[in-house]
């Protein structure tokens, strides 16, 4: 049997299982905000008018480009394109872990399957899967990085250096937190280096490892300058970023098997130093996030630790009780991960756990669907799609919407008499500054009907007005 055929026979069922898991939590009311936002961007760019002019940053580019491509290939499926990508990346990752444990870790087939199944059942893997392709790529990138560190210490070859560099390259282009995680590796990557490499050129070693990261960041800055846009969102999550013990508690719980592997390999520097470097990198990234706040959910911050866990399992010295001990560690770490998410996880992580357990959670998209149902079949609707991605996904397209870049929308935003037939806006009574740009342009609508607008629909935060006076 050929290798591609074996891969297909294994990856396709895995993809189906992971997609069914995502369907299960969606059926119980949970869809990640990151998935909704990425899917809406893809719909608008692929199916929207060519005149649309995006104003929000394009970061992170890798999941954004993949979502655009998939949306163009399979439009109108009803299944979020980011969820399809997330399940596909998860299937490839689980298959790669199995192959790595079999070929490099010398595990028998049954033990490798059991370990991969236990890894897939870890709550942090579910959190990464539900968060979308960005977090799954973050997990993939850190696994490649950690695997490269171990191989670099064992072999010291150019391909191993490339693995480290590729892993570091994936991190900043896959997720906002990936940039902080890549920076978090800088003080510790030297720990895993072979002494001969540092003796030859310590500066050359560091530069060769981080050159792809610097090139990626430089490219993003260049593109952002040319397009006159930002790299990161203008309203970062620093105000709600985790701090103190809560910021690193999930990461520490995710690394329980790594801690056991460090004890087991304490007298083997070729194993313990790469694992130590990987663990310190994860903690370093979490500490940096306390200050910069690019990722507000500690459970998402902890997800890349699973990549290091797989490397630690591979590095575990062979013995007759190796597989049972590792299985026991994974079984113990799962409830610890669950406890840490409940203790320190963000609001979305809490809702995900409830949905995964079969409890119906509050549907965050109910108001969006009600507004979409009211707007169905109507034309000339002014709406800020970048601030209201849920409305785009509920509509399933941009038909009838007037968007940034179209003359009616731009004239309205510049203070002219409102064009179009309708205006849909989202009002948050608790917000100090309203995010919806149409509401900021017409603040009087926060209090109700005002000429030339007539209120026709209201539910939750949504208010839809008919423009009753035209030029």
Protein backbone atom coordinates (compact mmCIF):
# COMPACT_ATOMS: atom_id res chain seq x y z
CA UNK A 1 0.00 0.00 0.00
CA UNK A 2 1.41 3.38 -1.01
CA UNK A 3 2.13 6.07 1.56
CA UNK A 4 -0.46 8.59 0.18
CA UNK A 5 -3.13 5.88 0.28
CA UNK A 6 -2.29 5.00 3.88
CA UNK A 7 -2.43 8.68 4.77
CA UNK A 8 -5.84 9.05 3.13
CA UNK A 9 -7.27 5.97 4.83
CA UNK A 10 -6.21 7.34 8.22
CA UNK A 11 -6.70 11.10 7.79
CA UNK A 12 -10.16 11.07 6.19
CA UNK A 13 -11.85 9.22 9.09
CA UNK A 14 -9.99 11.46 11.55
CA UNK A 15 -11.26 14.52 9.69
CA UNK A 16 -14.81 13.18 9.88
CA UNK A 17 -14.55 12.51 13.62
CA UNK A 18 -13.15 15.97 14.37
CA UNK A 19 -15.75 17.65 12.19
CA UNK A 20 -18.49 15.69 13.98
CA UNK A 21 -17.08 16.91 17.29
CA UNK A 22 -17.29 20.51 16.07
CA UNK A 23 -20.85 19.86 14.87
CA UNK A 24 -21.72 18.50 18.34
CA UNK A 25 -20.65 21.65 20.17
CA UNK A 26 -22.28 23.86 17.51
CA UNK A 27 -25.51 21.91 17.92
CA UNK A 28 -25.38 22.85 21.59
CA UNK A 29 -24.92 26.54 20.83
CA UNK A 30 -21.14 27.06 20.67
CA UNK A 31 -19.22 28.57 17.78
CA UNK A 32 -15.98 30.39 18.45
CA UNK A 33 -15.93 34.12 17.82
CA UNK A 34 -12.63 33.67 15.96
CA UNK A 35 -14.30 31.21 13.58
CA UNK A 36 -17.23 33.56 12.92
CA UNK A 37 -14.91 36.50 12.28
CA UNK A 38 -12.60 34.57 9.94
CA UNK A 39 -15.53 33.06 8.03
CA UNK A 40 -17.18 36.45 7.59
CA UNK A 41 -13.94 37.92 6.23
CA UNK A 42 -13.68 35.08 3.74
CA UNK A 43 -17.31 35.46 2.61
CA UNK A 44 -16.98 39.21 2.11
CA UNK A 45 -13.70 38.97 0.21
CA UNK A 46 -14.75 36.06 -2.00
CA UNK A 47 -18.47 36.65 -2.54
CA UNK A 48 -18.81 40.36 -1.79
CA UNK A 49 -18.60 43.28 -4.25
CA UNK A 50 -15.23 44.02 -5.80
CA UNK A 51 -15.57 47.58 -4.57
CA UNK A 52 -15.35 46.44 -0.93
CA UNK A 53 -12.47 48.12 0.87
CA UNK A 54 -11.35 46.38 4.05
CA UNK A 55 -10.07 48.63 6.80
CA UNK A 56 -9.29 46.06 9.49
CA UNK A 57 -5.83 44.46 9.68
CA UNK A 58 -5.21 41.34 7.61
CA UNK A 59 -3.35 39.62 10.45
CA UNK A 60 -2.88 36.68 10.88
CA UNK A 61 -2.17 36.01 7.19
CA UNK A 62 -1.80 32.22 7.05
CA UNK A 63 -5.28 31.13 8.30
CA UNK A 64 -6.76 34.14 6.48
CA UNK A 65 -5.35 33.02 3.10
CA UNK A 66 -6.35 29.40 3.72
CA UNK A 67 -9.90 30.43 4.62
CA UNK A 68 -10.17 32.62 1.52
CA UNK A 69 -8.97 29.75 -0.68
CA UNK A 70 -11.34 27.21 0.81
CA UNK A 71 -14.28 29.62 0.67
CA UNK A 72 -13.56 30.20 -3.02
CA UNK A 73 -13.40 26.46 -3.70
CA UNK A 74 -16.49 25.41 -1.73
CA UNK A 75 -18.80 28.43 -1.31
CA UNK A 76 -22.24 28.12 0.20
CA UNK A 77 -21.68 24.85 2.07
CA UNK A 78 -23.27 26.13 5.29
CA UNK A 79 -20.32 24.73 7.24
CA UNK A 80 -17.85 27.41 8.35
CA UNK A 81 -14.74 27.26 6.17
CA UNK A 82 -12.48 27.85 9.22
CA UNK A 83 -14.05 24.83 10.94
CA UNK A 84 -13.34 22.66 7.90
CA UNK A 85 -9.75 23.88 7.93
CA UNK A 86 -9.41 23.32 11.66
CA UNK A 87 -10.63 19.72 11.37
CA UNK A 88 -8.34 19.09 8.40
CA UNK A 89 -5.27 20.46 10.23
CA UNK A 90 -6.22 18.43 13.31
CA UNK A 91 -6.47 15.23 11.27
CA UNK A 92 -3.08 15.83 9.64
CA UNK A 93 -1.54 16.65 13.01
CA UNK A 94 -2.87 13.51 14.73
CA UNK A 95 -1.68 11.35 11.83
CA UNK A 96 1.75 13.01 11.96
CA UNK A 97 1.97 12.40 15.71
CA UNK A 98 1.18 8.72 15.18
CA UNK A 99 3.85 8.40 12.50
CA UNK A 100 6.42 10.22 14.60
CA UNK A 101 5.80 8.01 17.64
CA UNK A 102 6.04 4.88 15.49
CA UNK A 103 9.14 5.82 13.48
CA UNK A 104 11.13 7.99 15.91
CA UNK A 105 9.78 6.92 19.27
CA UNK A 106 9.81 3.17 18.52
CA UNK A 107 6.30 2.65 19.90
CA UNK A 108 4.25 -0.31 18.77
CA UNK A 109 1.13 0.36 16.76
CA UNK A 110 -1.35 -0.19 19.62
CA UNK A 111 0.56 2.06 22.02
CA UNK A 112 0.90 4.82 19.41
CA UNK A 113 -2.81 4.70 18.62
CA UNK A 114 -3.70 4.82 22.33
CA UNK A 115 -1.43 7.81 22.93
CA UNK A 116 -2.82 9.73 19.95
CA UNK A 117 -6.39 9.03 21.05
CA UNK A 118 -5.63 10.28 24.55
CA UNK A 119 -3.99 13.39 23.10
CA UNK A 120 -7.05 14.06 20.95
CA UNK A 121 -9.28 13.73 24.03
CA UNK A 122 -7.30 16.36 25.93
CA UNK A 123 -9.48 19.45 26.64
CA UNK A 124 -6.75 21.73 25.27
CA UNK A 125 -6.87 19.93 21.92
CA UNK A 126 -10.64 20.46 21.81
CA UNK A 127 -10.13 24.14 22.68
CA UNK A 128 -7.62 24.57 19.86
CA UNK A 129 -9.86 22.70 17.43
CA UNK A 130 -12.90 24.84 18.25
CA UNK A 131 -10.94 28.10 18.14
CA UNK A 132 -10.20 27.67 14.45
CA UNK A 133 -7.29 27.14 12.05
CA UNK A 134 -5.11 29.83 13.60
CA UNK A 135 -4.79 28.03 16.93
CA UNK A 136 -4.37 24.65 15.24
CA UNK A 137 -1.55 26.07 13.12
CA UNK A 138 -0.06 27.53 16.30
CA UNK A 139 -0.06 24.01 17.79
CA UNK A 140 1.44 22.58 14.60
CA UNK A 141 4.17 25.22 14.50
CA UNK A 142 5.20 24.70 18.11
CA UNK A 143 5.33 20.93 17.63
CA UNK A 144 7.65 21.37 14.64
CA UNK A 145 9.77 23.79 16.68
CA UNK A 146 10.00 21.48 19.71
CA UNK A 147 10.67 18.45 17.52
CA UNK A 148 13.43 20.38 15.75
CA UNK A 149 15.03 21.31 19.08
CA UNK A 150 15.20 17.64 20.09
CA UNK A 151 16.56 16.52 16.72
CA UNK A 152 19.07 19.36 16.71
CA UNK A 153 20.47 18.21 20.03
CA UNK A 154 20.54 14.56 18.95
CA UNK A 155 21.85 14.98 15.39
CA UNK A 156 22.91 18.58 14.83
CA UNK A 157 22.18 18.51 11.08
CA UNK A 158 21.00 21.27 8.74
CA UNK A 159 17.50 19.73 8.29
CA UNK A 160 17.04 19.85 12.06
CA UNK A 161 17.94 23.54 12.09
CA UNK A 162 15.39 24.03 9.32
CA UNK A 163 12.70 22.34 11.43
CA UNK A 164 13.32 24.82 14.25
CA UNK A 165 13.28 27.74 11.83
CA UNK A 166 10.10 26.56 10.05
CA UNK A 167 8.32 26.05 13.36
CA UNK A 168 9.28 29.56 14.46
CA UNK A 169 8.15 30.92 11.08
CA UNK A 170 4.69 29.37 11.40
CA UNK A 171 4.05 30.84 14.85
CA UNK A 172 3.88 34.58 14.01
CA UNK A 173 1.95 34.16 10.74
CA UNK A 174 -0.63 31.77 12.21
CA UNK A 175 -1.88 33.59 15.32
CA UNK A 176 -1.47 36.90 17.11
CA UNK A 177 -0.13 35.15 20.20
CA UNK A 178 2.34 33.28 17.97
CA UNK A 179 4.52 36.38 17.70
CA UNK A 180 4.84 36.57 21.48
CA UNK A 181 5.48 32.83 21.67
CA UNK A 182 8.25 33.14 19.08
CA UNK A 183 9.81 35.97 21.08
CA UNK A 184 9.42 33.90 24.23
CA UNK A 185 11.71 31.23 22.78
CA UNK A 186 14.62 33.64 22.31
CA UNK A 187 16.20 33.45 25.78
CA UNK A 188 15.85 29.66 25.95
CA UNK A 189 16.62 28.36 22.48
CA UNK A 190 20.33 28.41 23.33
CA UNK A 191 19.74 25.80 26.05
CA UNK A 192 18.98 23.13 23.46
CA UNK A 193 21.91 23.88 21.16
CA UNK A 194 24.78 21.46 20.78
CA UNK A 195 27.91 22.82 22.52
CA UNK A 196 29.86 22.49 19.26
CA UNK A 197 27.43 24.86 17.51
CA UNK A 198 27.72 27.51 20.21
CA UNK A 199 31.48 27.14 20.25
CA UNK A 200 31.62 27.71 16.48
CA UNK A 201 29.36 30.79 16.47
CA UNK A 202 26.74 31.52 19.10
CA UNK A 203 25.54 34.64 17.25
CA UNK A 204 25.32 32.74 13.97
CA UNK A 205 23.24 30.04 15.66
CA UNK A 206 20.69 32.51 17.00
CA UNK A 207 20.51 34.49 13.75
CA UNK A 208 19.99 31.35 11.66
CA UNK A 209 17.17 30.22 13.93
CA UNK A 210 15.37 33.57 14.03
CA UNK A 211 15.97 34.82 10.51
CA UNK A 212 12.64 33.39 9.21
CA UNK A 213 10.77 35.14 12.06
CA UNK A 214 12.45 38.45 11.32
CA UNK A 215 11.77 38.01 7.60
CA UNK A 216 8.11 37.21 8.26
CA UNK A 217 7.61 40.20 10.55
CA UNK A 218 9.44 42.46 8.11
CA UNK A 219 7.23 41.26 5.26
CA UNK A 220 4.09 41.93 7.31
CA UNK A 221 5.28 45.44 8.13
CA UNK A 222 6.06 46.08 4.44
CA UNK A 223 2.66 44.85 3.25
CA UNK A 224 0.89 46.82 5.99
CA UNK A 225 2.77 49.97 4.91
CA UNK A 226 1.88 49.47 1.24
CA UNK A 227 -1.79 48.81 2.01
CA UNK A 228 -1.87 51.61 4.61
CA UNK A 229 -3.34 49.36 7.27
CA UNK A 230 -2.30 47.96 10.63
CA UNK A 231 -0.84 44.57 11.41
CA UNK A 232 -2.72 43.96 14.63
CA UNK A 233 -6.29 44.92 15.61
CA UNK A 234 -6.70 48.50 16.79
CA UNK A 235 -8.43 47.40 20.00
CA UNK A 236 -6.12 44.77 21.52
CA UNK A 237 -7.22 42.61 24.42
CA UNK A 238 -4.70 44.07 26.86
CA UNK A 239 -7.49 45.36 29.10
CA UNK A 240 -8.75 41.82 29.64
CA UNK A 241 -5.46 39.96 29.33
CA UNK A 242 -4.88 37.41 32.11
CA UNK A 243 -2.44 38.27 34.85
CA UNK A 244 -0.73 36.49 37.69
CA UNK A 245 -1.08 32.76 38.30
CA UNK A 246 -4.21 32.50 36.18
CA UNK A 247 -2.21 33.43 33.08
CA UNK A 248 0.09 30.40 33.29
CA UNK A 249 -1.98 27.88 35.26
CA UNK A 250 -3.44 26.12 32.17
CA UNK A 251 -0.01 26.03 30.52
CA UNK A 252 1.54 24.40 33.59
CA UNK A 253 -1.26 21.84 33.78
CA UNK A 254 -0.87 21.06 30.08
CA UNK A 255 2.82 20.32 30.66
CA UNK A 256 2.37 17.67 33.37
CA UNK A 257 3.67 14.88 31.08
CA UNK A 258 6.60 17.12 30.14
CA UNK A 259 7.49 17.55 33.80
CA UNK A 260 7.43 13.78 34.27
CA UNK A 261 9.66 13.37 31.20
CA UNK A 262 12.13 15.89 32.63
CA UNK A 263 12.39 13.84 35.80
CA UNK A 264 12.73 10.60 33.81
CA UNK A 265 15.51 12.02 31.60
CA UNK A 266 17.22 14.15 34.27
CA UNK A 267 20.60 12.49 33.62
CA UNK A 268 20.28 12.63 29.84
CA UNK A 269 21.16 16.17 28.66
CA UNK A 270 20.40 15.29 25.04
CA UNK A 271 16.74 14.88 26.06
CA UNK A 272 16.23 17.04 29.11
CA UNK A 273 17.71 20.26 27.69
CA UNK A 274 15.45 20.46 24.57
CA UNK A 275 12.41 19.69 26.73
CA UNK A 276 13.47 22.32 29.25
CA UNK A 277 13.95 24.86 26.46
CA UNK A 278 10.51 24.10 25.06
CA UNK A 279 8.81 24.38 28.45
CA UNK A 280 10.53 27.66 29.27
CA UNK A 281 9.54 28.99 25.83
CA UNK A 282 5.88 28.31 26.59
CA UNK A 283 6.10 30.05 29.95
CA UNK A 284 8.03 32.94 28.38
CA UNK A 285 5.29 33.46 25.79
CA UNK A 286 2.59 33.39 28.48
CA UNK A 287 4.49 35.96 30.56
CA UNK A 288 4.90 38.27 27.54
CA UNK A 289 1.19 38.00 26.90
CA UNK A 290 0.49 39.42 30.36
CA UNK A 291 1.95 42.71 29.18
CA UNK A 292 0.84 42.82 25.55
CA UNK A 293 -2.46 40.98 25.79
CA UNK A 294 -2.69 39.63 22.24
CA UNK A 295 -4.60 36.57 23.51
CA UNK A 296 -7.06 37.00 26.40
CA UNK A 297 -7.82 33.30 26.99
CA UNK A 298 -5.23 31.30 28.99
CA UNK A 299 -6.68 28.06 27.60
CA UNK A 300 -5.71 29.12 24.07
CA UNK A 301 -2.28 30.15 25.34
CA UNK A 302 -1.82 26.64 26.76
CA UNK A 303 -2.83 24.78 23.57
CA UNK A 304 0.67 24.78 21.95
CA UNK A 305 1.98 22.87 24.98
CA UNK A 306 0.47 19.71 23.50
CA UNK A 307 3.12 19.84 20.79
CA UNK A 308 5.82 19.69 23.45
CA UNK A 309 3.98 16.84 25.20
CA UNK A 310 4.24 14.73 22.03
CA UNK A 311 7.98 15.45 21.82
CA UNK A 312 8.37 14.50 25.50
CA UNK A 313 6.54 11.21 24.89
CA UNK A 314 8.80 10.45 21.96
CA UNK A 315 11.91 11.21 24.06
CA UNK A 316 10.79 8.95 26.94
CA UNK A 317 13.47 6.23 27.30
CA UNK A 318 12.27 2.76 26.21
CA UNK A 319 11.22 0.30 28.90
CA UNK A 320 8.64 -2.38 29.39
CA UNK A 321 6.34 0.00 31.29
CA UNK A 322 6.86 3.03 29.06
CA UNK A 323 3.50 2.95 27.26
CA UNK A 324 1.39 2.23 30.39
CA UNK A 325 3.16 5.00 32.33
CA UNK A 326 2.59 7.52 29.56
CA UNK A 327 -1.05 6.50 29.18
CA UNK A 328 -1.50 6.96 32.94
CA UNK A 329 0.12 10.41 32.76
CA UNK A 330 -2.15 11.46 29.92
CA UNK A 331 -5.20 10.20 31.81
CA UNK A 332 -4.16 12.19 34.89
CA UNK A 333 -3.34 15.35 32.93
CA UNK A 334 -6.77 15.44 31.22
CA UNK A 335 -8.78 16.19 34.41
CA UNK A 336 -6.07 18.61 35.49
CA UNK A 337 -6.46 20.41 32.17
CA UNK A 338 -10.21 20.45 32.65
CA UNK A 339 -9.83 21.89 36.14
CA UNK A 340 -7.40 24.60 34.95
CA UNK A 341 -9.74 25.69 32.16
CA UNK A 342 -12.63 25.95 34.62
CA UNK A 343 -10.44 27.85 37.07
CA UNK A 344 -8.69 30.24 34.69
CA UNK A 345 -10.14 29.85 31.19
CA UNK A 346 -11.93 32.61 29.35
CA UNK A 347 -15.68 32.91 28.84
CA UNK A 348 -15.60 31.07 25.52
CA UNK A 349 -13.64 28.20 27.05
CA UNK A 350 -16.25 27.84 29.78
CA UNK A 351 -19.04 27.75 27.23
CA UNK A 352 -17.14 25.20 25.14
CA UNK A 353 -16.81 22.83 28.09
CA UNK A 354 -20.53 23.06 28.76
CA UNK A 355 -21.41 22.43 25.11
CA UNK A 356 -18.99 19.50 24.88
CA UNK A 357 -20.65 17.96 27.96
CA UNK A 358 -24.02 18.11 26.18
CA UNK A 359 -25.47 21.16 27.94
CA UNK A 360 -27.22 23.76 25.83
CA UNK A 361 -25.39 27.08 26.13
CA UNK A 362 -26.69 30.53 25.30
CA UNK A 363 -26.66 31.00 21.55
CA UNK A 364 -24.51 34.06 20.92
CA UNK A 365 -25.72 34.23 17.30
CA UNK A 366 -29.48 34.21 17.96
CA UNK A 367 -29.80 37.99 17.56
CA UNK A 368 -27.67 37.90 14.39
CA UNK A 369 -29.91 35.24 12.88
CA UNK A 370 -33.05 37.19 13.77
CA UNK A 371 -31.63 40.33 12.14
CA UNK A 372 -30.59 38.30 9.08
CA UNK A 373 -34.09 36.85 8.82
CA UNK A 374 -35.57 40.35 8.83
CA UNK A 375 -33.11 41.55 6.15
CA UNK A 376 -33.57 38.51 3.92
CA UNK A 377 -34.54 39.67 0.43
CA UNK A 378 -34.02 43.38 1.15
CA UNK A 379 -31.59 45.53 -0.86
CA UNK A 380 -29.66 48.68 -0.09
CA UNK A 381 -28.74 47.77 3.50
CA UNK A 382 -25.95 49.84 5.04
CA UNK A 383 -23.99 47.72 7.52
CA UNK A 384 -20.51 47.68 9.04
CA UNK A 385 -19.60 44.10 8.19
CA UNK A 386 -16.14 44.27 9.74
CA UNK A 387 -17.58 45.06 13.17
CA UNK A 388 -20.55 42.72 12.75
CA UNK A 389 -19.25 39.47 11.22
CA UNK A 390 -22.06 37.45 12.76
CA UNK A 391 -24.62 39.13 10.50
CA UNK A 392 -22.64 38.14 7.38
CA UNK A 393 -22.39 34.49 8.42
CA UNK A 394 -26.09 34.45 9.37
CA UNK A 395 -27.01 35.82 5.94
CA UNK A 396 -24.60 33.41 4.26
CA UNK A 397 -23.46 36.13 1.85
CA UNK A 398 -23.39 39.83 1.11
CA UNK A 399 -26.33 40.12 -1.31
CA UNK A 400 -28.24 43.35 -0.75
CA UNK A 401 -25.61 44.88 1.55
CA UNK A 402 -23.87 48.22 0.96
CA UNK A 403 -20.29 47.98 2.18
CA UNK A 404 -17.21 50.15 2.62
CA UNK A 405 -15.84 51.10 -0.78
CA UNK A 406 -19.25 51.49 -2.38
CA UNK A 407 -20.29 55.10 -2.96
CA UNK A 408 -23.54 54.88 -0.97
CA UNK A 409 -21.69 53.64 2.14
CA UNK A 410 -18.77 56.06 1.83
CA UNK A 411 -20.97 59.13 1.26
CA UNK A 412 -23.06 58.16 4.28
CA UNK A 413 -19.97 57.73 6.47
CA UNK A 414 -18.56 61.08 5.33
CA UNK A 415 -21.61 62.85 6.73
CA UNK A 416 -23.76 63.13 3.65
CA UNK A 417 -27.47 62.35 3.56
CA UNK A 418 -27.82 58.60 4.09
CA UNK A 419 -27.96 56.58 0.90
CA UNK A 420 -29.59 53.20 0.53
CA UNK A 421 -32.89 51.96 1.89
CA UNK A 422 -31.93 50.48 5.26
CA UNK A 423 -29.28 50.83 7.94
CA UNK A 424 -28.47 47.98 10.33
CA UNK A 425 -26.34 48.75 13.35
CA UNK A 426 -25.33 47.14 16.59
CA UNK A 427 -25.68 49.05 19.84
CA UNK A 428 -23.90 48.00 23.02
CA UNK A 429 -25.34 50.02 25.92
CA UNK A 430 -22.44 49.08 28.21
CA UNK A 431 -19.66 50.14 25.83
CA UNK A 432 -17.83 53.42 26.45
CA UNK A 433 -17.08 53.72 22.73
CA UNK A 434 -19.37 51.99 20.25
CA UNK A 435 -17.56 49.66 17.84
CA UNK A 436 -20.14 49.95 15.05
CA UNK A 437 -18.90 52.73 12.77
CA UNK A 438 -22.37 53.51 11.42
CA UNK A 439 -23.59 54.07 14.97
CA UNK A 440 -20.62 56.34 15.61
CA UNK A 441 -21.57 58.28 12.46
CA UNK A 442 -25.19 58.61 13.66
CA UNK A 443 -25.02 58.56 17.48
CA UNK A 444 -28.61 59.83 17.72
CA UNK A 445 -29.80 56.37 16.63
CA UNK A 446 -28.63 54.95 19.96
CA UNK A 447 -31.68 56.61 21.56
CA UNK A 448 -34.21 55.51 18.93
CA UNK A 449 -35.78 56.85 15.76
CA UNK A 450 -34.47 60.14 14.37
CA UNK A 451 -35.15 61.65 10.93
CA UNK A 452 -34.59 60.47 8.24
CA UNK A 453 -34.60 57.05 9.96
CA UNK A 454 -37.58 55.00 11.09
CA UNK A 455 -37.00 52.07 13.44
CA UNK A 456 -38.39 48.86 11.96
CA UNK A 457 -36.65 46.08 13.92
CA UNK A 458 -34.99 45.65 17.28
CA UNK A 459 -33.71 42.55 19.02
CA UNK A 460 -30.86 42.32 21.48
CA UNK A 461 -28.15 44.71 20.33
CA UNK A 462 -29.50 44.98 16.76
CA UNK A 463 -31.45 47.98 15.50
CA UNK A 464 -32.55 48.18 11.89
CA UNK A 465 -33.88 51.46 10.51
CA UNK A 466 -35.57 52.24 7.24
CA UNK A 467 -34.29 55.37 5.51
CA UNK A 468 -37.58 57.14 4.80
CA UNK A 469 -36.27 60.38 3.32
CA UNK A 470 -34.13 60.34 0.19
CA UNK A 471 -32.65 63.03 -2.06
